[in-house]
Amino acid sequence: MNFVTPRALTAARPPAPENCIWSHLRHAGEPLSISDIVRRTGADPVVVTRWLRRWKDAGLVVAVGRQCLLKLSEIAMRHITPPANVAVRKLDRRFTPASMRQRIWTAIRVLKVFDLPMLLIAAESAKSNTMEYLNNLVRAGFLERIDHPGDEHRKYRIILDTGPHHPSITRVVIENRPYNRLIDPNSGAQVHLPLEARTRAARAPFFDRER
C-alpha cells in the first residue's frame, strides 16, 4: 500500500491566489494591466482586484501611466511573498468621478460579462453612479443588457471595447436641448444622448431600478 506523506500533500496544494498574483507582478519585468494579471494567473477577477487594491493602498503596488498599469514598489520587490498583516493607509483624497469611471471601465474590460454586484466589488464604485454610467454605455452601444425578467440582478456584456481609457461623459446643450456627450478617447468618437430619452429609458421596465 502506498502512503502519501504530509509533505507530498503540501506540495500538491495550489498556491494561494495572492501568492500567485504577487509572483507574476514580481517577475513580470514590466508593468501589467489587471487584464494581464487575470490572464496569467487564471485567478478570479474580483479576487485579483481586491488584492491589488489592498496592496496599492498599502504602497506595495504603484500605478504607471494612464492605462492603469501596475507594478510592485521598490520596497515590495524585496519580498518573495506578499507581506502578512498589511497596514492599509488611509486615502489622502476622495476619488474623482473620472477615476471612478476609469475603475468601472477597467473592470468591465476585465470581466467581459458581469452582473451589477460583481462590478461594484471589482471597481469599488458607488451603486448609483455606476448604474448611471452603465446606462449611458448601454445607450451608446458599448454594453448590452443580457439579464432576463425575474433575474435577481442586472447583467451586462461588453460589445465595444475600444481601448483602455474610459469613455467620458459631459453635459452639453445643443439647440436648446440638453444632452450627455459621450467621448471615447480611444477612437475619438462622440455620441450625444438626449437627456429626455435617458429619462424615458430609466422608467422603462428594462431599466427598472436595481432590486
Protein backbone atom coordinates (compact mmCIF):
# COMPACT_ATOMS: atom_id res chain seq x y z
CA MET A 1 0.00 0.00 0.00
CA ASN A 2 1.32 3.42 -0.94
CA PHE A 3 1.05 6.20 1.62
CA VAL A 4 1.09 9.90 0.80
CA THR A 5 3.28 11.83 3.18
CA PRO A 6 2.13 15.18 4.63
CA ARG A 7 4.96 16.81 2.71
CA ALA A 8 3.60 15.43 -0.56
CA LEU A 9 0.13 16.70 0.30
CA THR A 10 1.52 20.16 0.98
CA ALA A 11 3.41 20.18 -2.31
CA ALA A 12 0.27 19.20 -4.21
CA ARG A 13 -1.73 22.15 -2.95
CA PRO A 14 -2.09 25.01 -5.44
CA PRO A 15 -0.54 28.31 -4.34
CA ALA A 16 -2.79 30.85 -2.68
CA PRO A 17 -4.17 33.38 -5.19
CA GLU A 18 -2.37 36.29 -3.54
CA ASN A 19 0.98 34.48 -3.77
CA CYS A 20 0.40 33.72 -7.44
CA ILE A 21 -0.56 37.34 -8.20
CA TRP A 22 2.44 38.64 -6.26
CA SER A 23 4.84 36.28 -8.05
CA HIS A 24 3.65 37.36 -11.50
CA LEU A 25 3.99 41.03 -10.59
CA ARG A 26 7.46 40.43 -9.15
CA HIS A 27 8.81 38.54 -12.16
CA ALA A 28 6.96 40.35 -14.96
CA GLY A 29 9.81 42.73 -15.75
CA GLU A 30 7.30 45.37 -16.84
CA PRO A 31 4.07 46.92 -15.52
CA LEU A 32 0.96 44.79 -16.03
CA SER A 33 -2.68 45.65 -16.54
CA ILE A 34 -5.38 43.96 -14.48
CA SER A 35 -6.34 42.03 -17.63
CA ASP A 36 -2.75 40.77 -17.94
CA ILE A 37 -2.71 39.59 -14.33
CA VAL A 38 -6.07 37.82 -14.61
CA ARG A 39 -4.99 36.08 -17.81
CA ARG A 40 -1.59 35.00 -16.49
CA THR A 41 -2.75 33.81 -13.07
CA GLY A 42 -6.15 32.41 -14.01
CA ALA A 43 -7.48 33.90 -10.76
CA ASP A 44 -10.97 35.30 -10.27
CA PRO A 45 -11.03 38.96 -11.45
CA VAL A 46 -12.75 40.05 -8.24
CA VAL A 47 -10.05 38.36 -6.13
CA VAL A 48 -7.30 39.94 -8.23
CA THR A 49 -8.86 43.40 -7.91
CA ARG A 50 -9.27 43.09 -4.14
CA TRP A 51 -5.63 42.15 -3.56
CA LEU A 52 -4.29 44.79 -5.94
CA ARG A 53 -6.43 47.42 -4.26
CA ARG A 54 -5.22 46.40 -0.81
CA TRP A 55 -1.56 46.42 -1.86
CA LYS A 56 -1.97 49.73 -3.67
CA ASP A 57 -3.47 51.35 -0.56
CA ALA A 58 -0.52 49.99 1.43
CA GLY A 59 2.03 51.41 -1.01
CA LEU A 60 3.18 47.99 -2.21
CA VAL A 61 1.74 48.38 -5.72
CA VAL A 62 2.07 51.56 -7.78
CA ALA A 63 0.24 52.67 -10.91
CA VAL A 64 2.20 53.56 -14.04
CA GLY A 65 0.91 55.86 -16.78
CA ARG A 66 -2.72 56.49 -17.70
CA GLN A 67 -3.56 52.94 -18.76
CA CYS A 68 -3.90 51.53 -15.23
CA LEU A 69 -0.68 49.51 -15.48
CA LEU A 70 0.61 48.22 -12.15
CA LYS A 71 3.93 47.13 -10.70
CA LEU A 72 5.42 46.38 -7.28
CA SER A 73 7.13 49.24 -5.46
CA GLU A 74 10.86 49.07 -4.73
CA ILE A 75 10.18 48.06 -1.13
CA ALA A 76 7.70 45.38 -2.21
CA MET A 77 10.22 43.85 -4.62
CA ARG A 78 12.32 42.80 -1.61
CA HIS A 79 9.58 40.38 -0.52
CA ILE A 80 9.32 36.99 -2.23
CA THR A 81 5.74 36.62 -0.98
CA PRO A 82 3.25 39.34 -0.03
CA PRO A 83 3.86 40.69 3.49
CA ALA A 84 1.40 39.44 6.09
CA ASN A 85 -0.81 41.86 8.03
CA VAL A 86 -0.50 44.66 5.51
CA ALA A 87 -1.33 48.01 7.07
CA VAL A 88 -3.68 49.84 4.71
CA ARG A 89 -3.08 53.57 4.50
CA LYS A 90 -5.95 56.00 4.57
CA LEU A 91 -6.57 57.65 1.23
CA ASP A 92 -5.33 61.23 1.05
CA ARG A 93 -8.20 62.26 -1.21
CA ARG A 94 -11.56 61.12 -2.40
CA PHE A 95 -11.75 59.57 -5.83
CA THR A 96 -12.95 61.95 -8.51
CA PRO A 97 -15.74 60.85 -10.89
CA ALA A 98 -13.14 60.46 -13.64
CA SER A 99 -11.02 58.00 -11.66
CA MET A 100 -14.15 56.15 -10.54
CA ARG A 101 -15.29 55.79 -14.14
CA GLN A 102 -11.81 54.59 -15.09
CA ARG A 103 -12.06 51.86 -12.44
CA ILE A 104 -15.50 50.90 -13.74
CA TRP A 105 -14.31 50.78 -17.36
CA THR A 106 -11.18 48.79 -16.48
CA ALA A 107 -13.27 46.28 -14.51
CA ILE A 108 -15.73 45.98 -17.41
CA ARG A 109 -12.91 45.17 -19.84
CA VAL A 110 -11.53 42.52 -17.49
CA LEU A 111 -14.83 40.87 -16.58
CA LYS A 112 -16.38 40.93 -20.10
CA VAL A 113 -19.68 39.53 -18.73
CA PHE A 114 -20.81 40.62 -15.28
CA ASP A 115 -23.71 41.44 -13.02
CA LEU A 116 -24.04 44.66 -11.06
CA PRO A 117 -22.86 43.35 -7.64
CA MET A 118 -19.74 41.82 -9.24
CA LEU A 119 -18.87 45.11 -10.94
CA LEU A 120 -19.40 47.12 -7.74
CA ILE A 121 -16.94 44.86 -5.93
CA ALA A 122 -14.36 44.84 -8.72
CA ALA A 123 -14.47 48.60 -9.35
CA GLU A 124 -15.14 49.61 -5.73
CA SER A 125 -17.60 52.19 -7.00
CA ALA A 126 -20.84 53.72 -5.74
CA LYS A 127 -24.00 51.95 -6.87
CA SER A 128 -25.98 54.97 -8.11
CA ASN A 129 -23.06 56.45 -10.07
CA THR A 130 -22.19 53.05 -11.53
CA MET A 131 -25.75 52.43 -12.71
CA GLU A 132 -25.92 55.86 -14.36
CA TYR A 133 -22.61 55.27 -16.16
CA LEU A 134 -23.68 51.79 -17.28
CA ASN A 135 -26.97 53.13 -18.66
CA ASN A 136 -25.06 55.66 -20.76
CA LEU A 137 -22.67 52.96 -22.01
CA VAL A 138 -25.63 50.78 -22.97
CA ARG A 139 -27.33 53.61 -24.86
CA ALA A 140 -24.07 54.47 -26.65
CA GLY A 141 -23.58 50.87 -27.79
CA PHE A 142 -20.61 49.87 -25.61
CA LEU A 143 -22.59 47.42 -23.47
CA GLU A 144 -25.74 45.34 -23.75
CA ARG A 145 -28.11 44.12 -21.08
CA ILE A 146 -28.38 40.31 -21.06
CA ASP A 147 -30.44 39.70 -17.93
CA HIS A 148 -33.94 38.28 -18.16
CA PRO A 149 -37.21 39.16 -16.40
CA GLY A 150 -37.11 37.71 -12.91
CA ASP A 151 -33.30 37.73 -12.63
CA GLU A 152 -32.09 38.93 -9.26
CA HIS A 153 -29.55 41.41 -10.66
CA ARG A 154 -28.82 43.28 -13.84
CA LYS A 155 -26.33 41.54 -16.10
CA TYR A 156 -24.21 43.08 -18.84
CA ARG A 157 -21.83 42.13 -21.63
CA ILE A 158 -19.27 44.40 -23.28
CA ILE A 159 -19.74 44.56 -27.06
CA LEU A 160 -17.50 47.51 -27.95
CA ASP A 161 -14.04 47.50 -26.34
CA THR A 162 -12.14 50.34 -27.98
CA GLY A 163 -9.21 50.57 -25.57
CA PRO A 164 -8.02 51.18 -22.01
CA HIS A 165 -9.23 54.76 -21.50
CA HIS A 166 -12.76 55.20 -20.15
CA PRO A 167 -15.42 56.99 -22.23
CA SER A 168 -16.05 60.39 -20.65
CA ILE A 169 -19.47 61.97 -20.23
CA THR A 170 -20.24 65.68 -20.01
CA ARG A 171 -23.48 67.69 -20.04
CA VAL A 172 -23.96 69.93 -23.09
CA VAL A 173 -26.79 71.97 -24.63
CA ILE A 174 -27.33 71.81 -28.40
CA GLU A 175 -30.08 73.91 -29.98
CA ASN A 176 -31.62 74.49 -26.54
CA ARG A 177 -31.78 70.76 -25.82
CA PRO A 178 -29.72 69.10 -23.05
CA TYR A 179 -27.54 66.12 -23.96
CA ASN A 180 -24.99 63.86 -22.38
CA ARG A 181 -21.95 63.96 -24.66
CA LEU A 182 -20.01 60.70 -24.54
CA ILE A 183 -16.46 60.95 -25.89
CA ASP A 184 -14.37 57.85 -26.46
CA PRO A 185 -10.69 58.92 -26.09
CA ASN A 186 -9.52 55.64 -27.63
CA SER A 187 -11.23 56.15 -31.00
CA GLY A 188 -12.13 59.85 -30.87
CA ALA A 189 -15.81 59.05 -31.47
CA GLN A 190 -18.54 61.21 -29.93
CA VAL A 191 -22.14 60.28 -29.15
CA HIS A 192 -24.84 62.70 -28.00
CA LEU A 193 -27.50 61.14 -25.77
CA PRO A 194 -30.66 63.24 -25.26
CA LEU A 195 -31.45 63.55 -21.57
CA GLU A 196 -35.17 63.11 -22.09
CA ALA A 197 -34.52 59.82 -23.90
CA ARG A 198 -32.38 58.70 -20.99
CA THR A 199 -35.20 59.55 -18.58
CA ARG A 200 -37.74 57.54 -20.58
CA ALA A 201 -35.33 54.60 -20.73
CA ALA A 202 -34.79 54.78 -16.99
CA ARG A 203 -38.55 54.47 -16.46
CA ALA A 204 -38.99 51.58 -18.86
CA PRO A 205 -39.22 48.05 -17.40
CA PHE A 206 -35.87 47.12 -18.97
CA PHE A 207 -34.20 49.82 -16.88
CA ASP A 208 -36.11 49.36 -13.64
CA ARG A 209 -34.15 50.26 -10.54
CA GLU A 210 -31.91 47.50 -9.23
CA ARG A 211 -33.75 45.36 -6.73
